[in-house]
Amino acid sequence: MGPAPTRTTSAALEAATIESGDALASTAEQPDGDVQRQARDRSHARPSGLLAKRAEDEYVYVAQDIRHIAMVLGLVFVIFVVLWVLIEVAHVIRY
C-alpha cells in the first residue's frame, strides 16, 4: 500500500478540490459564453458542398444583373441629358 496520508497531502487534496469546485462553478455560471464562442467559430467556417456552389453561382448572376441595371440606368440618364439639351438649350424641339 501507499504511504499514510499526512496533513500536507490532505491540505493539498483539499486545496485542489476547492480549486476544481471554483472552476466548475465559474463554467456553470457562464454556459452561454461557450455556446456563443462555438457559434462564432462555426460562422467563420468556409461553407462547402452543393449549396455553397449554388450560392456562388447565384452571386455571379446577381453581380451581372447589377452591372446590366447600371448600364441601363446610365443609358437612360444620357438620353435624358440629350433630350434636355435639345429641348431647353437648343430649342430644337418646341412644345
PDB file of N, CA and C in Angstrom:
ATOM      1  N   MET A   1       0.827  -1.184   0.000  1.00  0.00           N
ATOM      2  CA  MET A   1       0.000   0.000   0.000  1.00  0.00           C
ATOM      3  C   MET A   1       0.865   1.239   0.000  1.00  0.00           C
ATOM      4  N   GLY A   2       0.243   2.342  -0.324  1.00  0.00           N
ATOM      5  CA  GLY A   2       0.955   3.608  -0.387  1.00  0.00           C
ATOM      6  C   GLY A   2       1.198   4.182   0.989  1.00  0.00           C
ATOM      7  N   PRO A   3       1.904   5.301   1.022  1.00  0.00           N
ATOM      8  CA  PRO A   3       2.183   5.919   2.305  1.00  0.00           C
ATOM      9  C   PRO A   3       0.911   6.424   2.963  1.00  0.00           C
ATOM     10  N   ALA A   4       0.960   6.536   4.256  1.00  0.00           N
ATOM     11  CA  ALA A   4      -0.198   7.012   5.009  1.00  0.00           C
ATOM     12  C   ALA A   4      -0.424   8.485   4.715  1.00  0.00           C
ATOM     13  N   PRO A   5      -1.685   8.904   4.607  1.00  0.00           N
ATOM     14  CA  PRO A   5      -1.959  10.304   4.322  1.00  0.00           C
ATOM     15  C   PRO A   5      -1.425  11.196   5.439  1.00  0.00           C
ATOM     16  N   THR A   6      -0.812  12.259   5.037  1.00  0.00           N
ATOM     17  CA  THR A   6      -0.304  13.220   6.005  1.00  0.00           C
ATOM     18  C   THR A   6      -1.110  14.490   5.909  1.00  0.00           C
ATOM     19  N   ARG A   7      -0.811  15.393   6.804  1.00  0.00           N
ATOM     20  CA  ARG A   7      -1.546  16.661   6.787  1.00  0.00           C
ATOM     21  C   ARG A   7      -1.255  17.428   5.507  1.00  0.00           C
ATOM     22  N   THR A   8      -0.037  17.364   5.002  1.00  0.00           N
ATOM     23  CA  THR A   8       0.322  18.086   3.782  1.00  0.00           C
ATOM     24  C   THR A   8      -0.448  17.538   2.594  1.00  0.00           C
ATOM     25  N   THR A   9      -0.538  16.211   2.502  1.00  0.00           N
ATOM     26  CA  THR A   9      -1.277  15.596   1.410  1.00  0.00           C
ATOM     27  C   THR A   9      -2.755  15.930   1.515  1.00  0.00           C
ATOM     28  N   SER A  10      -3.292  15.912   2.713  1.00  0.00           N
ATOM     29  CA  SER A  10      -4.701  16.246   2.907  1.00  0.00           C
ATOM     30  C   SER A  10      -4.973  17.699   2.557  1.00  0.00           C
ATOM     31  N   ALA A  11      -4.056  18.583   2.938  1.00  0.00           N
ATOM     32  CA  ALA A  11      -4.239  20.005   2.639  1.00  0.00           C
ATOM     33  C   ALA A  11      -4.159  20.247   1.135  1.00  0.00           C
ATOM     34  N   ALA A  12      -3.222  19.573   0.484  1.00  0.00           N
ATOM     35  CA  ALA A  12      -3.091  19.731  -0.961  1.00  0.00           C
ATOM     36  C   ALA A  12      -4.324  19.208  -1.672  1.00  0.00           C
ATOM     37  N   LEU A  13      -4.847  18.069  -1.185  1.00  0.00           N
ATOM     38  CA  LEU A  13      -6.055  17.493  -1.779  1.00  0.00           C
ATOM     39  C   LEU A  13      -7.242  18.425  -1.585  1.00  0.00           C
ATOM     40  N   GLU A  14      -7.355  19.000  -0.402  1.00  0.00           N
ATOM     41  CA  GLU A  14      -8.460  19.903  -0.124  1.00  0.00           C
ATOM     42  C   GLU A  14      -8.356  21.161  -0.996  1.00  0.00           C
ATOM     43  N   ALA A  15      -7.136  21.695  -1.163  1.00  0.00           N
ATOM     44  CA  ALA A  15      -6.941  22.882  -1.998  1.00  0.00           C
ATOM     45  C   ALA A  15      -7.289  22.576  -3.452  1.00  0.00           C
ATOM     46  N   ALA A  16      -6.895  21.404  -3.939  1.00  0.00           N
ATOM     47  CA  ALA A  16      -7.206  21.021  -5.316  1.00  0.00           C
ATOM     48  C   ALA A  16      -8.699  20.868  -5.503  1.00  0.00           C
ATOM     49  N   THR A  17      -9.373  20.326  -4.499  1.00  0.00           N
ATOM     50  CA  THR A  17     -10.823  20.146  -4.574  1.00  0.00           C
ATOM     51  C   THR A  17     -11.520  21.496  -4.628  1.00  0.00           C
ATOM     52  N   ILE A  18     -11.052  22.439  -3.810  1.00  0.00           N
ATOM     53  CA  ILE A  18     -11.658  23.769  -3.792  1.00  0.00           C
ATOM     54  C   ILE A  18     -11.433  24.460  -5.141  1.00  0.00           C
ATOM     55  N   GLU A  19     -10.217  24.369  -5.691  1.00  0.00           N
ATOM     56  CA  GLU A  19      -9.927  24.997  -6.985  1.00  0.00           C
ATOM     57  C   GLU A  19     -10.773  24.400  -8.100  1.00  0.00           C
ATOM     58  N   SER A  20     -10.918  23.079  -8.095  1.00  0.00           N
ATOM     59  CA  SER A  20     -11.731  22.458  -9.136  1.00  0.00           C
ATOM     60  C   SER A  20     -13.195  22.823  -8.969  1.00  0.00           C
ATOM     61  N   GLY A  21     -13.643  22.970  -7.727  1.00  0.00           N
ATOM     62  CA  GLY A  21     -15.020  23.397  -7.468  1.00  0.00           C
ATOM     63  C   GLY A  21     -15.250  24.804  -7.964  1.00  0.00           C
ATOM     64  N   ASP A  22     -14.249  25.697  -7.755  1.00  0.00           N
ATOM     65  CA  ASP A  22     -14.364  27.066  -8.257  1.00  0.00           C
ATOM     66  C   ASP A  22     -14.401  27.083  -9.780  1.00  0.00           C
ATOM     67  N   ALA A  23     -13.597  26.240 -10.388  1.00  0.00           N
ATOM     68  CA  ALA A  23     -13.574  26.176 -11.853  1.00  0.00           C
ATOM     69  C   ALA A  23     -14.915  25.681 -12.386  1.00  0.00           C
ATOM     70  N   LEU A  24     -15.473  24.676 -11.728  1.00  0.00           N
ATOM     71  CA  LEU A  24     -16.780  24.170 -12.156  1.00  0.00           C
ATOM     72  C   LEU A  24     -17.860  25.216 -11.949  1.00  0.00           C
ATOM     73  N   ALA A  25     -17.798  25.947 -10.840  1.00  0.00           N
ATOM     74  CA  ALA A  25     -18.799  26.971 -10.577  1.00  0.00           C
ATOM     75  C   ALA A  25     -18.727  28.082 -11.611  1.00  0.00           C
ATOM     76  N   SER A  26     -17.513  28.474 -12.007  1.00  0.00           N
ATOM     77  CA  SER A  26     -17.396  29.555 -12.989  1.00  0.00           C
ATOM     78  C   SER A  26     -17.899  29.119 -14.358  1.00  0.00           C
ATOM     79  N   THR A  27     -17.687  27.862 -14.724  1.00  0.00           N
ATOM     80  CA  THR A  27     -18.211  27.401 -16.014  1.00  0.00           C
ATOM     81  C   THR A  27     -19.715  27.203 -15.945  1.00  0.00           C
ATOM     82  N   ALA A  28     -20.235  26.834 -14.781  1.00  0.00           N
ATOM     83  CA  ALA A  28     -21.680  26.653 -14.644  1.00  0.00           C
ATOM     84  C   ALA A  28     -22.400  27.991 -14.686  1.00  0.00           C
ATOM     85  N   GLU A  29     -21.734  29.058 -14.251  1.00  0.00           N
ATOM     86  CA  GLU A  29     -22.364  30.366 -14.259  1.00  0.00           C
ATOM     87  C   GLU A  29     -22.429  30.973 -15.658  1.00  0.00           C
ATOM     88  N   GLN A  30     -21.528  30.592 -16.570  1.00  0.00           N
ATOM     89  CA  GLN A  30     -21.475  31.192 -17.889  1.00  0.00           C
ATOM     90  C   GLN A  30     -21.540  30.148 -19.002  1.00  0.00           C
ATOM     91  N   PRO A  31     -22.621  29.386 -19.093  1.00  0.00           N
ATOM     92  CA  PRO A  31     -22.679  28.396 -20.172  1.00  0.00           C
ATOM     93  C   PRO A  31     -22.889  29.037 -21.533  1.00  0.00           C
ATOM     94  N   ASP A  32     -23.531  30.202 -21.565  1.00  0.00           N
ATOM     95  CA  ASP A  32     -23.789  30.830 -22.860  1.00  0.00           C
ATOM     96  C   ASP A  32     -22.519  31.355 -23.504  1.00  0.00           C
ATOM     97  N   GLY A  33     -21.472  31.592 -22.738  1.00  0.00           N
ATOM     98  CA  GLY A  33     -20.203  32.033 -23.308  1.00  0.00           C
ATOM     99  C   GLY A  33     -19.620  30.979 -24.219  1.00  0.00           C
ATOM    100  N   ASP A  34     -19.695  29.708 -23.788  1.00  0.00           N
ATOM    101  CA  ASP A  34     -19.205  28.621 -24.627  1.00  0.00           C
ATOM    102  C   ASP A  34     -20.060  28.471 -25.879  1.00  0.00           C
ATOM    103  N   VAL A  35     -21.353  28.617 -25.720  1.00  0.00           N
ATOM    104  CA  VAL A  35     -22.256  28.484 -26.865  1.00  0.00           C
ATOM    105  C   VAL A  35     -21.984  29.599 -27.869  1.00  0.00           C
ATOM    106  N   GLN A  36     -21.800  30.810 -27.371  1.00  0.00           N
ATOM    107  CA  GLN A  36     -21.516  31.926 -28.274  1.00  0.00           C
ATOM    108  C   GLN A  36     -20.181  31.734 -28.969  1.00  0.00           C
ATOM    109  N   ARG A  37     -19.181  31.241 -28.236  1.00  0.00           N
ATOM    110  CA  ARG A  37     -17.871  31.018 -28.834  1.00  0.00           C
ATOM    111  C   ARG A  37     -17.963  29.957 -29.918  1.00  0.00           C
ATOM    112  N   GLN A  38     -18.706  28.882 -29.650  1.00  0.00           N
ATOM    113  CA  GLN A  38     -18.846  27.819 -30.640  1.00  0.00           C
ATOM    114  C   GLN A  38     -19.599  28.326 -31.868  1.00  0.00           C
ATOM    115  N   ALA A  39     -20.623  29.129 -31.657  1.00  0.00           N
ATOM    116  CA  ALA A  39     -21.372  29.676 -32.787  1.00  0.00           C
ATOM    117  C   ALA A  39     -20.488  30.597 -33.612  1.00  0.00           C
ATOM    118  N   ARG A  40     -19.652  31.387 -32.940  1.00  0.00           N
ATOM    119  CA  ARG A  40     -18.758  32.283 -33.655  1.00  0.00           C
ATOM    120  C   ARG A  40     -17.736  31.488 -34.462  1.00  0.00           C
ATOM    121  N   ASP A  41     -17.226  30.389 -33.874  1.00  0.00           N
ATOM    122  CA  ASP A  41     -16.268  29.552 -34.593  1.00  0.00           C
ATOM    123  C   ASP A  41     -16.915  28.923 -35.821  1.00  0.00           C
ATOM    124  N   ARG A  42     -18.161  28.503 -35.701  1.00  0.00           N
ATOM    125  CA  ARG A  42     -18.848  27.902 -36.850  1.00  0.00           C
ATOM    126  C   ARG A  42     -19.133  28.936 -37.918  1.00  0.00           C
ATOM    127  N   SER A  43     -19.367  30.189 -37.524  1.00  0.00           N
ATOM    128  CA  SER A  43     -19.697  31.209 -38.518  1.00  0.00           C
ATOM    129  C   SER A  43     -18.496  31.554 -39.383  1.00  0.00           C
ATOM    130  N   HIS A  44     -17.286  31.294 -38.888  1.00  0.00           N
ATOM    131  CA  HIS A  44     -16.089  31.583 -39.672  1.00  0.00           C
ATOM    132  C   HIS A  44     -15.691  30.415 -40.566  1.00  0.00           C
ATOM    133  N   ALA A  45     -16.387  29.312 -40.436  1.00  0.00           N
ATOM    134  CA  ALA A  45     -16.058  28.144 -41.250  1.00  0.00           C
ATOM    135  C   ALA A  45     -16.447  28.414 -42.698  1.00  0.00           C
ATOM    136  N   ARG A  46     -15.640  27.934 -43.596  1.00  0.00           N
ATOM    137  CA  ARG A  46     -15.920  28.112 -45.015  1.00  0.00           C
ATOM    138  C   ARG A  46     -16.952  27.075 -45.441  1.00  0.00           C
ATOM    139  N   PRO A  47     -18.073  27.527 -46.008  1.00  0.00           N
ATOM    140  CA  PRO A  47     -19.091  26.573 -46.429  1.00  0.00           C
ATOM    141  C   PRO A  47     -18.608  25.755 -47.621  1.00  0.00           C
ATOM    142  N   SER A  48     -19.013  24.536 -47.672  1.00  0.00           N
ATOM    143  CA  SER A  48     -18.635  23.687 -48.791  1.00  0.00           C
ATOM    144  C   SER A  48     -19.839  22.855 -49.195  1.00  0.00           C
ATOM    145  N   GLY A  49     -19.751  22.313 -50.371  1.00  0.00           N
ATOM    146  CA  GLY A  49     -20.818  21.448 -50.831  1.00  0.00           C
ATOM    147  C   GLY A  49     -21.632  22.066 -51.936  1.00  0.00           C
ATOM    148  N   LEU A  50     -22.679  21.378 -52.273  1.00  0.00           N
ATOM    149  CA  LEU A  50     -23.522  21.775 -53.396  1.00  0.00           C
ATOM    150  C   LEU A  50     -24.220  23.103 -53.143  1.00  0.00           C
ATOM    151  N   LEU A  51     -24.697  23.307 -51.927  1.00  0.00           N
ATOM    152  CA  LEU A  51     -25.405  24.545 -51.613  1.00  0.00           C
ATOM    153  C   LEU A  51     -24.478  25.752 -51.737  1.00  0.00           C
ATOM    154  N   ALA A  52     -23.250  25.612 -51.290  1.00  0.00           N
ATOM    155  CA  ALA A  52     -22.294  26.716 -51.398  1.00  0.00           C
ATOM    156  C   ALA A  52     -21.977  27.006 -52.862  1.00  0.00           C
ATOM    157  N   LYS A  53     -21.863  25.987 -53.666  1.00  0.00           N
ATOM    158  CA  LYS A  53     -21.599  26.169 -55.097  1.00  0.00           C
ATOM    159  C   LYS A  53     -22.770  26.877 -55.767  1.00  0.00           C
ATOM    160  N   ARG A  54     -23.981  26.483 -55.415  1.00  0.00           N
ATOM    161  CA  ARG A  54     -25.163  27.148 -55.978  1.00  0.00           C
ATOM    162  C   ARG A  54     -25.198  28.619 -55.583  1.00  0.00           C
ATOM    163  N   ALA A  55     -24.879  28.910 -54.319  1.00  0.00           N
ATOM    164  CA  ALA A  55     -24.879  30.291 -53.848  1.00  0.00           C
ATOM    165  C   ALA A  55     -23.812  31.100 -54.573  1.00  0.00           C
ATOM    166  N   GLU A  56     -22.662  30.494 -54.792  1.00  0.00           N
ATOM    167  CA  GLU A  56     -21.584  31.180 -55.510  1.00  0.00           C
ATOM    168  C   GLU A  56     -22.006  31.482 -56.947  1.00  0.00           C
ATOM    169  N   ASP A  57     -22.627  30.521 -57.621  1.00  0.00           N
ATOM    170  CA  ASP A  57     -23.111  30.748 -58.987  1.00  0.00           C
ATOM    171  C   ASP A  57     -24.182  31.828 -59.019  1.00  0.00           C
ATOM    172  N   GLU A  58     -25.074  31.799 -58.039  1.00  0.00           N
ATOM    173  CA  GLU A  58     -26.139  32.796 -57.966  1.00  0.00           C
ATOM    174  C   GLU A  58     -25.551  34.188 -57.751  1.00  0.00           C
ATOM    175  N   TYR A  59     -24.499  34.274 -56.954  1.00  0.00           N
ATOM    176  CA  TYR A  59     -23.848  35.558 -56.719  1.00  0.00           C
ATOM    177  C   TYR A  59     -23.286  36.125 -58.023  1.00  0.00           C
ATOM    178  N   VAL A  60     -22.746  35.268 -58.878  1.00  0.00           N
ATOM    179  CA  VAL A  60     -22.223  35.720 -60.170  1.00  0.00           C
ATOM    180  C   VAL A  60     -23.356  36.301 -61.008  1.00  0.00           C
ATOM    181  N   TYR A  61     -24.504  35.621 -61.012  1.00  0.00           N
ATOM    182  CA  TYR A  61     -25.645  36.124 -61.772  1.00  0.00           C
ATOM    183  C   TYR A  61     -26.143  37.452 -61.210  1.00  0.00           C
ATOM    184  N   VAL A  62     -26.173  37.579 -59.907  1.00  0.00           N
ATOM    185  CA  VAL A  62     -26.629  38.823 -59.281  1.00  0.00           C
ATOM    186  C   VAL A  62     -25.680  39.965 -59.646  1.00  0.00           C
ATOM    187  N   ALA A  63     -24.385  39.717 -59.611  1.00  0.00           N
ATOM    188  CA  ALA A  63     -23.403  40.748 -59.970  1.00  0.00           C
ATOM    189  C   ALA A  63     -23.586  41.169 -61.423  1.00  0.00           C
ATOM    190  N   GLN A  64     -23.834  40.219 -62.313  1.00  0.00           N
ATOM    191  CA  GLN A  64     -24.071  40.553 -63.717  1.00  0.00           C
ATOM    192  C   GLN A  64     -25.349  41.373 -63.867  1.00  0.00           C
ATOM    193  N   ASP A  65     -26.390  40.989 -63.151  1.00  0.00           N
ATOM    194  CA  ASP A  65     -27.645  41.739 -63.215  1.00  0.00           C
ATOM    195  C   ASP A  65     -27.458  43.173 -62.746  1.00  0.00           C
ATOM    196  N   ILE A  66     -26.693  43.363 -61.688  1.00  0.00           N
ATOM    197  CA  ILE A  66     -26.462  44.716 -61.179  1.00  0.00           C
ATOM    198  C   ILE A  66     -25.688  45.538 -62.208  1.00  0.00           C
ATOM    199  N   ARG A  67     -24.715  44.913 -62.868  1.00  0.00           N
ATOM    200  CA  ARG A  67     -23.986  45.627 -63.926  1.00  0.00           C
ATOM    201  C   ARG A  67     -24.914  46.024 -65.064  1.00  0.00           C
ATOM    202  N   HIS A  68     -25.804  45.111 -65.461  1.00  0.00           N
ATOM    203  CA  HIS A  68     -26.757  45.422 -66.539  1.00  0.00           C
ATOM    204  C   HIS A  68     -27.701  46.546 -66.121  1.00  0.00           C
ATOM    205  N   ILE A  69     -28.163  46.514 -64.899  1.00  0.00           N
ATOM    206  CA  ILE A  69     -29.047  47.580 -64.413  1.00  0.00           C
ATOM    207  C   ILE A  69     -28.314  48.914 -64.424  1.00  0.00           C
ATOM    208  N   ALA A  70     -27.057  48.914 -64.003  1.00  0.00           N
ATOM    209  CA  ALA A  70     -26.268  50.156 -64.005  1.00  0.00           C
ATOM    210  C   ALA A  70     -26.075  50.673 -65.421  1.00  0.00           C
ATOM    211  N   MET A  71     -25.853  49.774 -66.372  1.00  0.00           N
ATOM    212  CA  MET A  71     -25.688  50.199 -67.766  1.00  0.00           C
ATOM    213  C   MET A  71     -26.981  50.816 -68.304  1.00  0.00           C
ATOM    214  N   VAL A  72     -28.108  50.206 -68.025  1.00  0.00           N
ATOM    215  CA  VAL A  72     -29.395  50.742 -68.481  1.00  0.00           C
ATOM    216  C   VAL A  72     -29.658  52.086 -67.817  1.00  0.00           C
ATOM    217  N   LEU A  73     -29.356  52.199 -66.533  1.00  0.00           N
ATOM    218  CA  LEU A  73     -29.537  53.459 -65.829  1.00  0.00           C
ATOM    219  C   LEU A  73     -28.665  54.552 -66.447  1.00  0.00           C
ATOM    220  N   GLY A  74     -27.432  54.220 -66.766  1.00  0.00           N
ATOM    221  CA  GLY A  74     -26.545  55.184 -67.414  1.00  0.00           C
ATOM    222  C   GLY A  74     -27.059  55.604 -68.770  1.00  0.00           C
ATOM    223  N   LEU A  75     -27.566  54.650 -69.550  1.00  0.00           N
ATOM    224  CA  LEU A  75     -28.110  54.952 -70.877  1.00  0.00           C
ATOM    225  C   LEU A  75     -29.330  55.867 -70.767  1.00  0.00           C
ATOM    226  N   VAL A  76     -30.221  55.581 -69.848  1.00  0.00           N
ATOM    227  CA  VAL A  76     -31.405  56.430 -69.651  1.00  0.00           C
ATOM    228  C   VAL A  76     -30.988  57.832 -69.230  1.00  0.00           C
ATOM    229  N   PHE A  77     -29.994  57.938 -68.361  1.00  0.00           N
ATOM    230  CA  PHE A  77     -29.502  59.253 -67.934  1.00  0.00           C
ATOM    231  C   PHE A  77     -28.943  60.041 -69.120  1.00  0.00           C
ATOM    232  N   VAL A  78     -28.172  59.371 -69.967  1.00  0.00           N
ATOM    233  CA  VAL A  78     -27.616  60.033 -71.156  1.00  0.00           C
ATOM    234  C   VAL A  78     -28.738  60.495 -72.079  1.00  0.00           C
ATOM    235  N   ILE A  79     -29.748  59.659 -72.261  1.00  0.00           N
ATOM    236  CA  ILE A  79     -30.885  60.040 -73.111  1.00  0.00           C
ATOM    237  C   ILE A  79     -31.594  61.262 -72.540  1.00  0.00           C
ATOM    238  N   PHE A  80     -31.803  61.298 -71.222  1.00  0.00           N
ATOM    239  CA  PHE A  80     -32.441  62.461 -70.595  1.00  0.00           C
ATOM    240  C   PHE A  80     -31.615  63.726 -70.775  1.00  0.00           C
ATOM    241  N   VAL A  81     -30.297  63.615 -70.646  1.00  0.00           N
ATOM    242  CA  VAL A  81     -29.435  64.783 -70.808  1.00  0.00           C
ATOM    243  C   VAL A  81     -29.506  65.284 -72.252  1.00  0.00           C
ATOM    244  N   VAL A  82     -29.451  64.366 -73.209  1.00  0.00           N
ATOM    245  CA  VAL A  82     -29.534  64.760 -74.623  1.00  0.00           C
ATOM    246  C   VAL A  82     -30.879  65.432 -74.906  1.00  0.00           C
ATOM    247  N   LEU A  83     -31.963  64.860 -74.415  1.00  0.00           N
ATOM    248  CA  LEU A  83     -33.278  65.474 -74.618  1.00  0.00           C
ATOM    249  C   LEU A  83     -33.358  66.837 -73.954  1.00  0.00           C
ATOM    250  N   TRP A  84     -32.792  66.985 -72.772  1.00  0.00           N
ATOM    251  CA  TRP A  84     -32.806  68.280 -72.089  1.00  0.00           C
ATOM    252  C   TRP A  84     -32.052  69.328 -72.909  1.00  0.00           C
ATOM    253  N   VAL A  85     -30.897  68.925 -73.439  1.00  0.00           N
ATOM    254  CA  VAL A  85     -30.121  69.863 -74.255  1.00  0.00           C
ATOM    255  C   VAL A  85     -30.910  70.240 -75.505  1.00  0.00           C
ATOM    256  N   LEU A  86     -31.514  69.266 -76.160  1.00  0.00           N
ATOM    257  CA  LEU A  86     -32.280  69.555 -77.380  1.00  0.00           C
ATOM    258  C   LEU A  86     -33.497  70.424 -77.087  1.00  0.00           C
ATOM    259  N   ILE A  87     -34.179  70.195 -75.980  1.00  0.00           N
ATOM    260  CA  ILE A  87     -35.421  70.923 -75.700  1.00  0.00           C
ATOM    261  C   ILE A  87     -35.147  72.277 -75.054  1.00  0.00           C
ATOM    262  N   GLU A  88     -34.356  72.321 -74.017  1.00  0.00           N
ATOM    263  CA  GLU A  88     -34.185  73.542 -73.229  1.00  0.00           C
ATOM    264  C   GLU A  88     -33.079  74.453 -73.744  1.00  0.00           C
ATOM    265  N   VAL A  89     -32.009  73.867 -74.240  1.00  0.00           N
ATOM    266  CA  VAL A  89     -30.872  74.695 -74.630  1.00  0.00           C
ATOM    267  C   VAL A  89     -30.943  75.050 -76.110  1.00  0.00           C
ATOM    268  N   ALA A  90     -31.066  74.056 -76.967  1.00  0.00           N
ATOM    269  CA  ALA A  90     -31.023  74.308 -78.423  1.00  0.00           C
ATOM    270  C   ALA A  90     -32.382  74.657 -78.996  1.00  0.00           C
ATOM    271  N   HIS A  91     -33.422  74.458 -78.268  1.00  0.00           N
ATOM    272  CA  HIS A  91     -34.794  74.707 -78.724  1.00  0.00           C
ATOM    273  C   HIS A  91     -35.093  74.017 -80.052  1.00  0.00           C
ATOM    274  N   VAL A  92     -34.533  72.825 -80.236  1.00  0.00           N
ATOM    275  CA  VAL A  92     -34.793  72.043 -81.442  1.00  0.00           C
ATOM    276  C   VAL A  92     -36.209  71.509 -81.399  1.00  0.00           C
ATOM    277  N   ILE A  93     -36.607  71.077 -80.254  1.00  0.00           N
ATOM    278  CA  ILE A  93     -37.960  70.534 -80.071  1.00  0.00           C
ATOM    279  C   ILE A  93     -38.750  71.594 -79.293  1.00  0.00           C
ATOM    280  N   ARG A  94     -39.809  72.086 -79.916  1.00  0.00           N
ATOM    281  CA  ARG A  94     -40.622  73.110 -79.240  1.00  0.00           C
ATOM    282  C   ARG A  94     -41.967  72.515 -78.872  1.00  0.00           C
ATOM    283  N   TYR A  95     -42.426  72.890 -77.749  1.00  0.00           N
ATOM    284  CA  TYR A  95     -43.717  72.387 -77.301  1.00  0.00           C
ATOM    285  C   TYR A  95     -44.661  73.501 -77.002  1.00  0.00           C
TER     286      TYR A  95
END
